[in-house]
Amino acid sequence: MIHWLRNATDRLPDTRHALTLATDAPGLLAAGGELTPERLTEAYGKGVFPWYSLGQPVLWWSPDPRMALMVDDFKLSRSLRKTLQQFVRQSPRCEVRVDSAFRRVIEACASTPREGQDGTWIVPEMVQAYTYWHQLGKVHSFETWIAGELVGGLYGVSLGRMFFGESMFSHRTDASKIALAALVCFCREHGVTMIDCQQHTGHLASLGAKEIRRAEFEARLIPCLREPPIVDWAYDLHMWRHLGVGESPEPERKDNGL
């Protein structure tokens, strides 16, 4: 039976009460409530996230297994390395920014068509809630800019030294991958060891994310949340060194669209 949150004082149940793989909604833990900063802080602190569609109540999820990217396991393919090398060489025409256009990023994540998906789970209520949470310093965007144009990016929640990835978009080839690579470098710079990816996708798996048991995810999560929060949310070119980008650059090519 699904637990209903009927008022602001109701607490989310233990994640062990989430529906199992044998049900129609594996990982579903609770329903109802509102997307207040207090509720969201409680949820993410337990490894729970909201995911629902228009016309539905807020649905709270804790899937098992859980998709996560261990920062040290990020896979940098040869082609992506070349793209990043050229991207970095063309600074400041090509740059990564953090939190310079959060609202545009989350709205682009909500509106960009995705293969195999009809509509979006980033409903207007969620856009409003996460934009407000962003203003409170808990949600951040990593953005790929080329010639003054926002061409890709991602956003996610940061608590302690943990980053919960929410969604990404790309309006140019590899633009979201560039933003994710920058996030990985930023995490390594600031001692963040794990990025939550919530649920399995082939795209994330190709970049090094993997499924782990919910119990393992929560065990890794607890010490991350106890760490002091990141204060300086700015991306600097020297952070690319964490992926060896910018070192011994290859001859520039002009046919990759950057």
C-alpha atoms as a PDB file:
ATOM      1  CA  MET A   1       0.000   0.000   0.000  1.00  0.00           C
ATOM      2  CA  ILE A   2       1.276   3.456  -0.942  1.00  0.00           C
ATOM      3  CA  HIS A   3       1.757   5.930   1.897  1.00  0.00           C
ATOM      4  CA  TRP A   4      -0.098   9.245   1.399  1.00  0.00           C
ATOM      5  CA  LEU A   5       1.386  12.517   2.627  1.00  0.00           C
ATOM      6  CA  ARG A   6      -1.667  14.410   3.826  1.00  0.00           C
ATOM      7  CA  ASN A   7      -0.010  17.416   5.449  1.00  0.00           C
ATOM      8  CA  ALA A   8       3.367  19.096   5.816  1.00  0.00           C
ATOM      9  CA  THR A   9       4.145  17.283   9.061  1.00  0.00           C
ATOM     10  CA  ASP A  10       3.793  13.788   7.564  1.00  0.00           C
ATOM     11  CA  ARG A  11       7.167  12.157   7.026  1.00  0.00           C
ATOM     12  CA  LEU A  12       8.225   9.970   4.145  1.00  0.00           C
ATOM     13  CA  PRO A  13       8.275   6.295   5.105  1.00  0.00           C
ATOM     14  CA  ASP A  14      11.383   4.125   5.202  1.00  0.00           C
ATOM     15  CA  THR A  15      12.536   3.391   1.665  1.00  0.00           C
ATOM     16  CA  ARG A  16      12.239  -0.343   2.320  1.00  0.00           C
ATOM     17  CA  HIS A  17       8.480   0.172   1.946  1.00  0.00           C
ATOM     18  CA  ALA A  18       8.834   1.156  -1.734  1.00  0.00           C
ATOM     19  CA  LEU A  19       7.082  -1.085  -4.238  1.00  0.00           C
ATOM     20  CA  THR A  20       9.192  -3.948  -5.546  1.00  0.00           C
ATOM     21  CA  LEU A  21      10.129  -5.063  -9.054  1.00  0.00           C
ATOM     22  CA  ALA A  22       7.183  -7.473  -8.974  1.00  0.00           C
ATOM     23  CA  THR A  23       4.702  -4.562  -9.070  1.00  0.00           C
ATOM     24  CA  ASP A  24       3.546  -2.189 -11.802  1.00  0.00           C
ATOM     25  CA  ALA A  25       5.411   0.746 -10.249  1.00  0.00           C
ATOM     26  CA  PRO A  26       8.693  -0.539  -8.787  1.00  0.00           C
ATOM     27  CA  GLY A  27      10.328   2.059  -6.566  1.00  0.00           C
ATOM     28  CA  LEU A  28       7.169   4.035  -5.804  1.00  0.00           C
ATOM     29  CA  LEU A  29       7.283   4.973  -2.121  1.00  0.00           C
ATOM     30  CA  ALA A  30       4.627   7.615  -1.435  1.00  0.00           C
ATOM     31  CA  ALA A  31       2.199  10.087  -2.990  1.00  0.00           C
ATOM     32  CA  GLY A  32       0.891  13.520  -2.177  1.00  0.00           C
ATOM     33  CA  GLY A  33       2.380  16.509  -0.428  1.00  0.00           C
ATOM     34  CA  GLU A  34       3.952  19.566  -1.978  1.00  0.00           C
ATOM     35  CA  LEU A  35       7.324  20.408  -3.481  1.00  0.00           C
ATOM     36  CA  THR A  36       8.438  22.700  -0.676  1.00  0.00           C
ATOM     37  CA  PRO A  37      12.149  23.144   0.108  1.00  0.00           C
ATOM     38  CA  GLU A  38      11.556  21.370   3.419  1.00  0.00           C
ATOM     39  CA  ARG A  39       9.910  18.352   1.772  1.00  0.00           C
ATOM     40  CA  LEU A  40      12.518  18.194  -0.990  1.00  0.00           C
ATOM     41  CA  THR A  41      15.360  18.384   1.533  1.00  0.00           C
ATOM     42  CA  GLU A  42      13.809  15.534   3.500  1.00  0.00           C
ATOM     43  CA  ALA A  43      13.307  13.463   0.359  1.00  0.00           C
ATOM     44  CA  TYR A  44      16.759  13.869  -1.171  1.00  0.00           C
ATOM     45  CA  GLY A  45      18.319  13.324   2.242  1.00  0.00           C
ATOM     46  CA  LYS A  46      16.722   9.864   2.157  1.00  0.00           C
ATOM     47  CA  GLY A  47      17.588   9.215  -1.473  1.00  0.00           C
ATOM     48  CA  VAL A  48      14.003   9.837  -2.584  1.00  0.00           C
ATOM     49  CA  PHE A  49      12.977  11.993  -5.540  1.00  0.00           C
ATOM     50  CA  PRO A  50       9.689  13.258  -7.076  1.00  0.00           C
ATOM     51  CA  TRP A  51       8.637  12.063 -10.530  1.00  0.00           C
ATOM     52  CA  TYR A  52       5.126  12.420 -11.917  1.00  0.00           C
ATOM     53  CA  SER A  53       3.061  13.734 -14.816  1.00  0.00           C
ATOM     54  CA  LEU A  54       0.438  16.427 -15.246  1.00  0.00           C
ATOM     55  CA  GLY A  55      -2.812  15.496 -13.540  1.00  0.00           C
ATOM     56  CA  GLN A  56      -1.118  13.212 -11.015  1.00  0.00           C
ATOM     57  CA  PRO A  57      -0.332  13.899  -7.373  1.00  0.00           C
ATOM     58  CA  VAL A  58       3.327  14.251  -6.488  1.00  0.00           C
ATOM     59  CA  LEU A  59       4.811  10.746  -6.602  1.00  0.00           C
ATOM     60  CA  TRP A  60       7.915   9.942  -4.540  1.00  0.00           C
ATOM     61  CA  TRP A  61      10.368   7.268  -5.702  1.00  0.00           C
ATOM     62  CA  SER A  62      13.193   5.166  -4.309  1.00  0.00           C
ATOM     63  CA  PRO A  63      14.105   2.606  -6.990  1.00  0.00           C
ATOM     64  CA  ASP A  64      16.087  -0.548  -6.357  1.00  0.00           C
ATOM     65  CA  PRO A  65      18.478  -0.857  -8.085  1.00  0.00           C
ATOM     66  CA  ARG A  66      19.563   2.772  -8.346  1.00  0.00           C
ATOM     67  CA  MET A  67      21.565   4.285 -11.211  1.00  0.00           C
ATOM     68  CA  ALA A  68      24.630   6.199 -10.046  1.00  0.00           C
ATOM     69  CA  LEU A  69      27.834   7.543 -11.545  1.00  0.00           C
ATOM     70  CA  MET A  70      30.907   7.142  -9.383  1.00  0.00           C
ATOM     71  CA  VAL A  71      32.896  10.191 -10.371  1.00  0.00           C
ATOM     72  CA  ASP A  72      36.100   8.183 -10.803  1.00  0.00           C
ATOM     73  CA  ASP A  73      34.311   5.789 -13.203  1.00  0.00           C
ATOM     74  CA  PHE A  74      33.358   8.450 -15.769  1.00  0.00           C
ATOM     75  CA  LYS A  75      34.152   7.113 -19.246  1.00  0.00           C
ATOM     76  CA  LEU A  76      35.794   9.630 -21.536  1.00  0.00           C
ATOM     77  CA  SER A  77      35.654   8.204 -25.042  1.00  0.00           C
ATOM     78  CA  ARG A  78      38.263   9.122 -27.617  1.00  0.00           C
ATOM     79  CA  SER A  79      35.723  11.093 -29.646  1.00  0.00           C
ATOM     80  CA  LEU A  80      34.479  13.033 -26.617  1.00  0.00           C
ATOM     81  CA  ARG A  81      38.055  13.782 -25.583  1.00  0.00           C
ATOM     82  CA  LYS A  82      38.681  15.312 -29.006  1.00  0.00           C
ATOM     83  CA  THR A  83      35.508  17.364 -28.733  1.00  0.00           C
ATOM     84  CA  LEU A  84      36.510  18.627 -25.280  1.00  0.00           C
ATOM     85  CA  GLN A  85      40.043  19.447 -26.437  1.00  0.00           C
ATOM     86  CA  GLN A  86      38.709  21.643 -29.216  1.00  0.00           C
ATOM     87  CA  PHE A  87      36.041  23.135 -26.950  1.00  0.00           C
ATOM     88  CA  VAL A  88      38.676  24.176 -24.397  1.00  0.00           C
ATOM     89  CA  ARG A  89      41.048  25.536 -27.054  1.00  0.00           C
ATOM     90  CA  GLN A  90      38.302  27.846 -28.316  1.00  0.00           C
ATOM     91  CA  SER A  91      37.800  29.574 -24.960  1.00  0.00           C
ATOM     92  CA  PRO A  92      36.269  32.092 -24.376  1.00  0.00           C
ATOM     93  CA  ARG A  93      34.104  31.505 -27.471  1.00  0.00           C
ATOM     94  CA  CYS A  94      33.301  28.089 -26.001  1.00  0.00           C
ATOM     95  CA  GLU A  95      32.772  27.979 -22.260  1.00  0.00           C
ATOM     96  CA  VAL A  96      31.078  26.200 -19.386  1.00  0.00           C
ATOM     97  CA  ARG A  97      29.069  28.370 -17.030  1.00  0.00           C
ATOM     98  CA  VAL A  98      27.418  27.438 -13.751  1.00  0.00           C
ATOM     99  CA  ASP A  99      24.078  28.913 -12.713  1.00  0.00           C
ATOM    100  CA  SER A 100      24.119  31.729 -15.275  1.00  0.00           C
ATOM    101  CA  ALA A 101      20.804  30.692 -16.887  1.00  0.00           C
ATOM    102  CA  PHE A 102      19.177  28.167 -14.574  1.00  0.00           C
ATOM    103  CA  ARG A 103      15.590  28.895 -15.588  1.00  0.00           C
ATOM    104  CA  ARG A 104      16.461  28.504 -19.262  1.00  0.00           C
ATOM    105  CA  VAL A 105      18.192  25.198 -18.557  1.00  0.00           C
ATOM    106  CA  ILE A 106      15.322  23.612 -16.632  1.00  0.00           C
ATOM    107  CA  GLU A 107      12.789  24.847 -19.187  1.00  0.00           C
ATOM    108  CA  ALA A 108      14.925  23.444 -22.013  1.00  0.00           C
ATOM    109  CA  CYS A 109      15.127  20.112 -20.175  1.00  0.00           C
ATOM    110  CA  ALA A 110      11.327  20.154 -19.919  1.00  0.00           C
ATOM    111  CA  SER A 111      10.652  21.094 -23.538  1.00  0.00           C
ATOM    112  CA  THR A 112      13.365  19.338 -25.571  1.00  0.00           C
ATOM    113  CA  PRO A 113      11.868  16.292 -27.385  1.00  0.00           C
ATOM    114  CA  ARG A 114      13.339  12.925 -26.376  1.00  0.00           C
ATOM    115  CA  GLU A 115      13.231   9.721 -28.362  1.00  0.00           C
ATOM    116  CA  GLY A 116      10.709   7.289 -26.929  1.00  0.00           C
ATOM    117  CA  GLN A 117       9.101   9.829 -24.603  1.00  0.00           C
ATOM    118  CA  ASP A 118       5.737  11.504 -24.959  1.00  0.00           C
ATOM    119  CA  GLY A 119       5.585  14.647 -22.853  1.00  0.00           C
ATOM    120  CA  THR A 120       7.706  15.482 -19.846  1.00  0.00           C
ATOM    121  CA  TRP A 121       7.856  14.759 -16.132  1.00  0.00           C
ATOM    122  CA  ILE A 122       9.275  18.257 -15.516  1.00  0.00           C
ATOM    123  CA  VAL A 123       5.830  19.752 -15.053  1.00  0.00           C
ATOM    124  CA  PRO A 124       5.321  23.508 -14.420  1.00  0.00           C
ATOM    125  CA  GLU A 125       4.948  22.922 -10.670  1.00  0.00           C
ATOM    126  CA  MET A 126       8.355  21.247 -10.646  1.00  0.00           C
ATOM    127  CA  VAL A 127       9.946  24.038 -12.686  1.00  0.00           C
ATOM    128  CA  GLN A 128       8.688  26.558 -10.148  1.00  0.00           C
ATOM    129  CA  ALA A 129       9.754  24.509  -7.126  1.00  0.00           C
ATOM    130  CA  TYR A 130      13.279  23.800  -8.362  1.00  0.00           C
ATOM    131  CA  THR A 131      13.771  27.359  -9.544  1.00  0.00           C
ATOM    132  CA  TYR A 132      12.917  28.549  -6.054  1.00  0.00           C
ATOM    133  CA  TRP A 133      15.211  25.911  -4.537  1.00  0.00           C
ATOM    134  CA  HIS A 134      17.908  27.146  -6.924  1.00  0.00           C
ATOM    135  CA  GLN A 135      17.463  30.645  -5.538  1.00  0.00           C
ATOM    136  CA  LEU A 136      18.088  29.159  -2.091  1.00  0.00           C
ATOM    137  CA  GLY A 137      21.371  27.708  -3.333  1.00  0.00           C
ATOM    138  CA  LYS A 138      20.470  24.004  -3.449  1.00  0.00           C
ATOM    139  CA  VAL A 139      19.936  23.419  -7.173  1.00  0.00           C
ATOM    140  CA  HIS A 140      22.533  24.207  -9.839  1.00  0.00           C
ATOM    141  CA  SER A 141      22.918  24.202 -13.604  1.00  0.00           C
ATOM    142  CA  PHE A 142      25.994  23.369 -15.676  1.00  0.00           C
ATOM    143  CA  GLU A 143      25.722  25.041 -19.054  1.00  0.00           C
ATOM    144  CA  THR A 144      27.481  24.668 -22.415  1.00  0.00           C
ATOM    145  CA  TRP A 145      27.834  27.971 -24.261  1.00  0.00           C
ATOM    146  CA  ILE A 146      29.160  28.494 -27.798  1.00  0.00           C
ATOM    147  CA  ALA A 147      29.512  31.981 -29.239  1.00  0.00           C
ATOM    148  CA  GLY A 148      27.142  33.387 -26.623  1.00  0.00           C
ATOM    149  CA  GLU A 149      24.468  30.750 -27.270  1.00  0.00           C
ATOM    150  CA  LEU A 150      23.239  28.250 -24.681  1.00  0.00           C
ATOM    151  CA  VAL A 151      23.446  24.935 -26.558  1.00  0.00           C
ATOM    152  CA  GLY A 152      23.207  22.337 -23.804  1.00  0.00           C
ATOM    153  CA  GLY A 153      23.311  21.723 -20.107  1.00  0.00           C
ATOM    154  CA  LEU A 154      22.046  19.894 -17.065  1.00  0.00           C
ATOM    155  CA  TYR A 155      20.724  20.662 -13.618  1.00  0.00           C
ATOM    156  CA  GLY A 156      20.703  18.887 -10.286  1.00  0.00           C
ATOM    157  CA  VAL A 157      20.460  19.114  -6.527  1.00  0.00           C
ATOM    158  CA  SER A 158      23.470  19.537  -4.239  1.00  0.00           C
ATOM    159  CA  LEU A 159      23.367  18.613  -0.550  1.00  0.00           C
ATOM    160  CA  GLY A 160      26.608  18.310   1.389  1.00  0.00           C
ATOM    161  CA  ARG A 161      29.109  16.766  -1.037  1.00  0.00           C
ATOM    162  CA  MET A 162      26.481  14.906  -3.028  1.00  0.00           C
ATOM    163  CA  PHE A 163      25.098  15.813  -6.446  1.00  0.00           C
ATOM    164  CA  PHE A 164      21.732  14.459  -7.577  1.00  0.00           C
ATOM    165  CA  GLY A 165      21.471  14.741 -11.340  1.00  0.00           C
ATOM    166  CA  GLU A 166      17.977  15.597 -12.566  1.00  0.00           C
ATOM    167  CA  SER A 167      17.925  16.150 -16.311  1.00  0.00           C
ATOM    168  CA  MET A 168      19.971  17.353 -19.274  1.00  0.00           C
ATOM    169  CA  PHE A 169      19.364  18.709 -22.750  1.00  0.00           C
ATOM    170  CA  SER A 170      21.344  19.244 -25.924  1.00  0.00           C
ATOM    171  CA  HIS A 171      20.697  21.497 -28.904  1.00  0.00           C
ATOM    172  CA  ARG A 172      24.034  20.673 -30.509  1.00  0.00           C
ATOM    173  CA  THR A 173      26.008  17.446 -30.800  1.00  0.00           C
ATOM    174  CA  ASP A 174      27.663  16.469 -27.496  1.00  0.00           C
ATOM    175  CA  ALA A 175      26.616  19.699 -25.757  1.00  0.00           C
ATOM    176  CA  SER A 176      25.056  17.841 -22.806  1.00  0.00           C
ATOM    177  CA  LYS A 177      28.064  15.513 -22.619  1.00  0.00           C
ATOM    178  CA  ILE A 178      30.337  18.547 -22.346  1.00  0.00           C
ATOM    179  CA  ALA A 179      28.240  19.818 -19.435  1.00  0.00           C
ATOM    180  CA  LEU A 180      28.372  16.405 -17.747  1.00  0.00           C
ATOM    181  CA  ALA A 181      32.144  16.184 -18.246  1.00  0.00           C
ATOM    182  CA  ALA A 182      32.456  19.620 -16.640  1.00  0.00           C
ATOM    183  CA  LEU A 183      30.288  18.466 -13.730  1.00  0.00           C
ATOM    184  CA  VAL A 184      32.574  15.451 -13.256  1.00  0.00           C
ATOM    185  CA  CYS A 185      35.625  17.727 -13.167  1.00  0.00           C
ATOM    186  CA  PHE A 186      33.878  20.078 -10.749  1.00  0.00           C
ATOM    187  CA  CYS A 187      32.969  17.143  -8.496  1.00  0.00           C
ATOM    188  CA  ARG A 188      36.539  15.868  -8.471  1.00  0.00           C
ATOM    189  CA  GLU A 189      37.747  19.352  -7.640  1.00  0.00           C
ATOM    190  CA  HIS A 190      35.402  19.565  -4.639  1.00  0.00           C
ATOM    191  CA  GLY A 191      35.547  16.019  -3.308  1.00  0.00           C
ATOM    192  CA  VAL A 192      32.167  14.822  -4.592  1.00  0.00           C
ATOM    193  CA  THR A 193      32.471  11.089  -5.260  1.00  0.00           C
ATOM    194  CA  MET A 194      29.008  10.120  -6.526  1.00  0.00           C
ATOM    195  CA  ILE A 195      26.405  11.597  -8.871  1.00  0.00           C
ATOM    196  CA  ASP A 196      22.895  10.212  -8.564  1.00  0.00           C
ATOM    197  CA  CYS A 197      21.393   9.318 -11.952  1.00  0.00           C
ATOM    198  CA  GLN A 198      18.139   7.901 -10.532  1.00  0.00           C
ATOM    199  CA  GLN A 199      17.150   5.387 -13.226  1.00  0.00           C
ATOM    200  CA  HIS A 200      18.938   3.386 -15.893  1.00  0.00           C
ATOM    201  CA  THR A 201      19.458   4.768 -19.385  1.00  0.00           C
ATOM    202  CA  GLY A 202      21.796   3.451 -22.030  1.00  0.00           C
ATOM    203  CA  HIS A 203      23.205   6.946 -22.532  1.00  0.00           C
ATOM    204  CA  LEU A 204      24.309   7.251 -18.896  1.00  0.00           C
ATOM    205  CA  ALA A 205      25.615   3.686 -18.861  1.00  0.00           C
ATOM    206  CA  SER A 206      27.846   4.495 -21.837  1.00  0.00           C
ATOM    207  CA  LEU A 207      29.392   7.297 -19.770  1.00  0.00           C
ATOM    208  CA  GLY A 208      30.192   5.064 -16.810  1.00  0.00           C
ATOM    209  CA  ALA A 209      27.040   5.093 -14.681  1.00  0.00           C
ATOM    210  CA  LYS A 210      25.904   1.761 -13.273  1.00  0.00           C
ATOM    211  CA  GLU A 211      23.086   0.244 -11.262  1.00  0.00           C
ATOM    212  CA  ILE A 212      23.745  -0.463  -7.586  1.00  0.00           C
ATOM    213  CA  ARG A 213      21.513  -1.802  -4.857  1.00  0.00           C
ATOM    214  CA  ARG A 214      19.452   0.769  -2.996  1.00  0.00           C
ATOM    215  CA  ALA A 215      21.102  -0.230   0.300  1.00  0.00           C
ATOM    216  CA  GLU A 216      24.547   0.450  -1.156  1.00  0.00           C
ATOM    217  CA  PHE A 217      23.407   3.770  -2.595  1.00  0.00           C
ATOM    218  CA  GLU A 218      22.029   4.888   0.753  1.00  0.00           C
ATOM    219  CA  ALA A 219      25.163   3.718   2.587  1.00  0.00           C
ATOM    220  CA  ARG A 220      27.293   5.823   0.225  1.00  0.00           C
ATOM    221  CA  LEU A 221      24.867   8.746   0.462  1.00  0.00           C
ATOM    222  CA  ILE A 222      24.921   9.206   4.242  1.00  0.00           C
ATOM    223  CA  PRO A 223      28.586  10.257   4.632  1.00  0.00           C
ATOM    224  CA  CYS A 224      28.327  12.530   1.569  1.00  0.00           C
ATOM    225  CA  LEU A 225      25.450  14.439   3.146  1.00  0.00           C
ATOM    226  CA  ARG A 226      27.454  14.976   6.331  1.00  0.00           C
ATOM    227  CA  GLU A 227      30.195  16.838   4.472  1.00  0.00           C
ATOM    228  CA  PRO A 228      30.144  20.661   4.355  1.00  0.00           C
ATOM    229  CA  PRO A 229      28.315  22.094   1.321  1.00  0.00           C
ATOM    230  CA  ILE A 230      30.192  23.516  -1.631  1.00  0.00           C
ATOM    231  CA  VAL A 231      30.448  27.295  -1.434  1.00  0.00           C
ATOM    232  CA  ASP A 232      32.081  28.323  -4.694  1.00  0.00           C
ATOM    233  CA  TRP A 233      29.846  27.379  -7.615  1.00  0.00           C
ATOM    234  CA  ALA A 234      32.028  28.585 -10.467  1.00  0.00           C
ATOM    235  CA  TYR A 235      33.728  26.650 -13.239  1.00  0.00           C
ATOM    236  CA  ASP A 236      37.328  27.422 -14.067  1.00  0.00           C
ATOM    237  CA  LEU A 237      39.354  26.232 -17.056  1.00  0.00           C
ATOM    238  CA  HIS A 238      41.948  24.603 -14.800  1.00  0.00           C
ATOM    239  CA  MET A 239      39.321  22.075 -13.668  1.00  0.00           C
ATOM    240  CA  TRP A 240      39.538  20.345 -17.051  1.00  0.00           C
ATOM    241  CA  ARG A 241      42.857  18.905 -15.856  1.00  0.00           C
ATOM    242  CA  HIS A 242      40.863  16.255 -13.983  1.00  0.00           C
ATOM    243  CA  LEU A 243      40.115  14.661 -17.370  1.00  0.00           C
ATOM    244  CA  GLY A 244      43.493  15.489 -18.898  1.00  0.00           C
ATOM    245  CA  VAL A 245      41.810  17.929 -21.246  1.00  0.00           C
ATOM    246  CA  GLY A 246      43.864  20.860 -22.496  1.00  0.00           C
ATOM    247  CA  GLU A 247      47.088  18.868 -22.173  1.00  0.00           C
ATOM    248  CA  SER A 248      49.036  18.230 -25.373  1.00  0.00           C
ATOM    249  CA  PRO A 249      46.216  19.395 -27.647  1.00  0.00           C
ATOM    250  CA  GLU A 250      45.767  17.772 -31.036  1.00  0.00           C
ATOM    251  CA  PRO A 251      45.662  19.795 -34.271  1.00  0.00           C
ATOM    252  CA  GLU A 252      42.403  21.693 -34.516  1.00  0.00           C
ATOM    253  CA  ARG A 253      39.715  20.344 -36.816  1.00  0.00           C
ATOM    254  CA  LYS A 254      36.992  22.490 -38.304  1.00  0.00           C
ATOM    255  CA  ASP A 255      34.381  19.882 -39.114  1.00  0.00           C
ATOM    256  CA  ASN A 256      32.878  18.977 -35.740  1.00  0.00           C
ATOM    257  CA  GLY A 257      30.385  21.810 -35.492  1.00  0.00           C
ATOM    258  CA  LEU A 258      31.921  23.773 -32.624  1.00  0.00           C
END
